[in-house]
Protein backbone atom coordinates (compact mmCIF):
# COMPACT_ATOMS: atom_id res chain seq x y z
CA MET A 1 -68.61 44.10 -3.36
CA ILE A 2 -66.50 46.41 -0.80
CA GLU A 3 -64.96 43.98 0.89
CA ASP A 4 -62.85 43.33 -2.18
CA LEU A 5 -62.00 46.68 -2.56
CA CYS A 6 -59.03 47.07 -1.47
CA ALA A 7 -56.23 50.32 -1.65
CA LYS A 8 -55.12 49.81 -4.92
CA ASP A 9 -59.19 50.46 -5.77
CA ILE A 10 -59.62 53.73 -4.69
CA MET A 11 -56.63 55.42 -3.71
CA LEU A 12 -55.48 59.04 -5.88
CA LYS A 13 -53.23 57.74 -8.61
CA ASP A 14 -52.28 61.45 -9.27
CA VAL A 15 -50.88 62.98 -5.99
CA ILE A 16 -49.69 66.24 -5.91
CA VAL A 17 -47.02 66.38 -3.46
CA SER A 18 -44.14 68.56 -1.78
CA SER A 19 -40.34 67.74 -1.41
CA PRO A 20 -38.97 68.37 1.99
CA THR A 21 -36.97 71.69 0.73
CA ASP A 22 -39.67 73.20 0.06
CA LEU A 23 -41.28 76.71 1.92
CA VAL A 24 -44.01 75.63 3.64
CA ALA A 25 -45.77 78.57 1.66
CA ALA A 26 -45.18 76.63 -1.66
CA ALA A 27 -46.97 73.52 0.01
CA LYS A 28 -49.50 76.05 1.55
CA LEU A 29 -50.09 77.49 -1.92
CA LYS A 30 -50.41 73.92 -3.43
CA MET A 31 -53.15 72.81 -0.74
CA VAL A 32 -55.09 75.94 -1.53
CA ARG A 33 -54.53 75.55 -5.20
CA ALA A 34 -55.94 72.04 -5.07
CA ASN A 35 -58.40 72.92 -2.64
CA ILE A 36 -56.53 69.97 -0.10
CA GLY A 37 -56.05 69.64 3.56
CA GLY A 38 -52.82 68.26 2.51
CA VAL A 39 -49.81 66.63 0.59
CA PRO A 40 -47.43 64.10 1.06
CA VAL A 41 -43.75 65.08 1.55
CA VAL A 42 -41.32 63.00 -1.20
CA ASP A 43 -37.66 63.28 -1.34
CA GLY A 44 -37.04 61.37 -4.99
CA ASP A 45 -39.84 58.76 -5.18
CA GLU A 46 -39.74 57.78 -1.33
CA LEU A 47 -42.52 59.05 0.97
CA VAL A 48 -40.47 60.81 4.17
CA GLY A 49 -43.26 62.51 5.26
CA LEU A 50 -46.70 64.61 5.01
CA ILE A 51 -47.25 67.93 5.78
CA THR A 52 -51.24 69.30 6.61
CA HIS A 53 -53.10 72.09 6.45
CA ARG A 54 -53.30 72.06 10.27
CA ASP A 55 -49.70 71.89 11.13
CA VAL A 56 -49.19 75.29 8.85
CA LEU A 57 -51.93 76.82 10.88
CA LEU A 58 -50.57 75.44 14.28
CA ALA A 59 -47.12 76.52 13.52
CA GLY A 60 -48.87 80.38 13.31
CA SER A 61 -46.94 82.64 10.51
CA GLU A 62 -43.53 82.35 11.26
CA ALA A 63 -44.14 78.88 9.09
CA MET A 64 -44.51 79.82 5.62
CA GLY A 65 -40.67 80.58 5.62
CA LEU A 66 -39.39 77.95 6.64
CA LYS A 67 -39.00 74.35 5.29
CA VAL A 68 -41.51 71.62 4.48
CA ARG A 69 -39.00 69.71 7.18
CA ASP A 70 -39.32 71.46 9.76
CA LEU A 71 -43.22 71.12 10.18
CA MET A 72 -44.01 68.14 8.30
CA SER A 73 -45.13 64.76 10.67
CA LYS A 74 -42.34 61.86 10.01
CA GLU A 75 -44.15 59.55 11.81
CA LEU A 76 -47.43 58.52 9.14
CA SER A 77 -49.65 55.18 9.08
CA THR A 78 -48.88 54.11 5.54
CA VAL A 79 -50.63 50.64 3.69
CA THR A 80 -49.53 49.10 0.75
CA LYS A 81 -52.00 48.46 -2.45
CA SER A 82 -53.35 45.30 -1.41
CA VAL A 83 -54.90 46.41 2.19
CA ASN A 84 -58.60 45.94 2.30
CA ILE A 85 -61.35 49.16 2.53
CA LYS A 86 -62.69 47.78 5.84
CA GLU A 87 -58.82 47.98 7.16
CA ILE A 88 -57.59 51.35 5.91
CA SER A 89 -61.12 52.46 7.71
CA ARG A 90 -60.23 51.12 10.86
CA ILE A 91 -56.66 52.76 10.69
CA MET A 92 -58.50 56.01 10.27
CA ALA A 93 -60.94 55.58 12.75
CA ASP A 94 -58.27 54.53 15.30
CA THR A 95 -56.09 57.35 14.67
CA GLY A 96 -57.66 60.10 13.82
CA TYR A 97 -56.04 60.41 9.80
CA GLN A 98 -58.29 61.96 7.33
CA ARG A 99 -55.62 60.78 4.56
CA ILE A 100 -52.90 57.69 4.83
CA PRO A 101 -50.26 57.14 2.07
CA VAL A 102 -49.86 54.63 -0.14
CA VAL A 103 -46.28 52.83 -0.17
CA GLU A 104 -44.10 49.92 -1.78
CA ASP A 105 -40.99 49.98 -0.31
CA LYS A 106 -41.07 53.42 0.15
CA LYS A 107 -42.14 54.78 -2.83
CA LEU A 108 -45.67 56.66 -2.51
CA LEU A 109 -47.93 54.91 -5.23
CA GLY A 110 -50.88 56.68 -4.26
CA LEU A 111 -53.12 58.81 -1.36
CA ILE A 112 -56.24 57.36 0.33
CA THR A 113 -57.88 59.96 1.87
CA GLN A 114 -62.08 59.54 4.04
CA SER A 115 -63.55 60.99 0.68
CA CYS A 116 -61.90 58.12 -1.16
CA ILE A 117 -63.51 55.44 1.48
CA ILE A 118 -67.12 57.59 0.84
CA ARG A 119 -67.28 57.15 -2.77
CA ALA A 120 -65.85 53.64 -3.03
CA VAL A 121 -69.00 52.90 -0.58
CA ALA A 122 -71.85 55.08 -2.64
CA ASP A 123 -70.68 53.40 -5.62
CA ASN A 124 -70.73 50.01 -4.01
CA ILE A 125 -73.64 50.29 -2.00
CA ASP A 126 -75.86 48.48 -3.60
CA LYS A 127 -73.90 45.67 -5.67
CA LYS A 128 -74.62 42.27 -5.06
């Protein structure tokens, strides 16, 4: 049942990431090539931020020469792998965030996007 689903059940596990020292241009290219709106920023295995296509657009044309650390969001809403889908949906609705990193001890385990939620609902809508 959908109420029983947790972050570990619906998260993307093969997540495209950037480093804080990458150029913004490189992070944007990753997003364009993968047709995604944002990437978590990791230093080693540790999640340190998130950069989105919107961040890049708002920074203007001079952003391409900056480092990812200069534009990334550092204050993030994250969840652990045991948080249920209802709470994840509530976080997304309350914050307006379209992606929520799944972490354990600051290590990035996966990413939950709005598409993950929609897919989980669609796959479980008729199950009882």
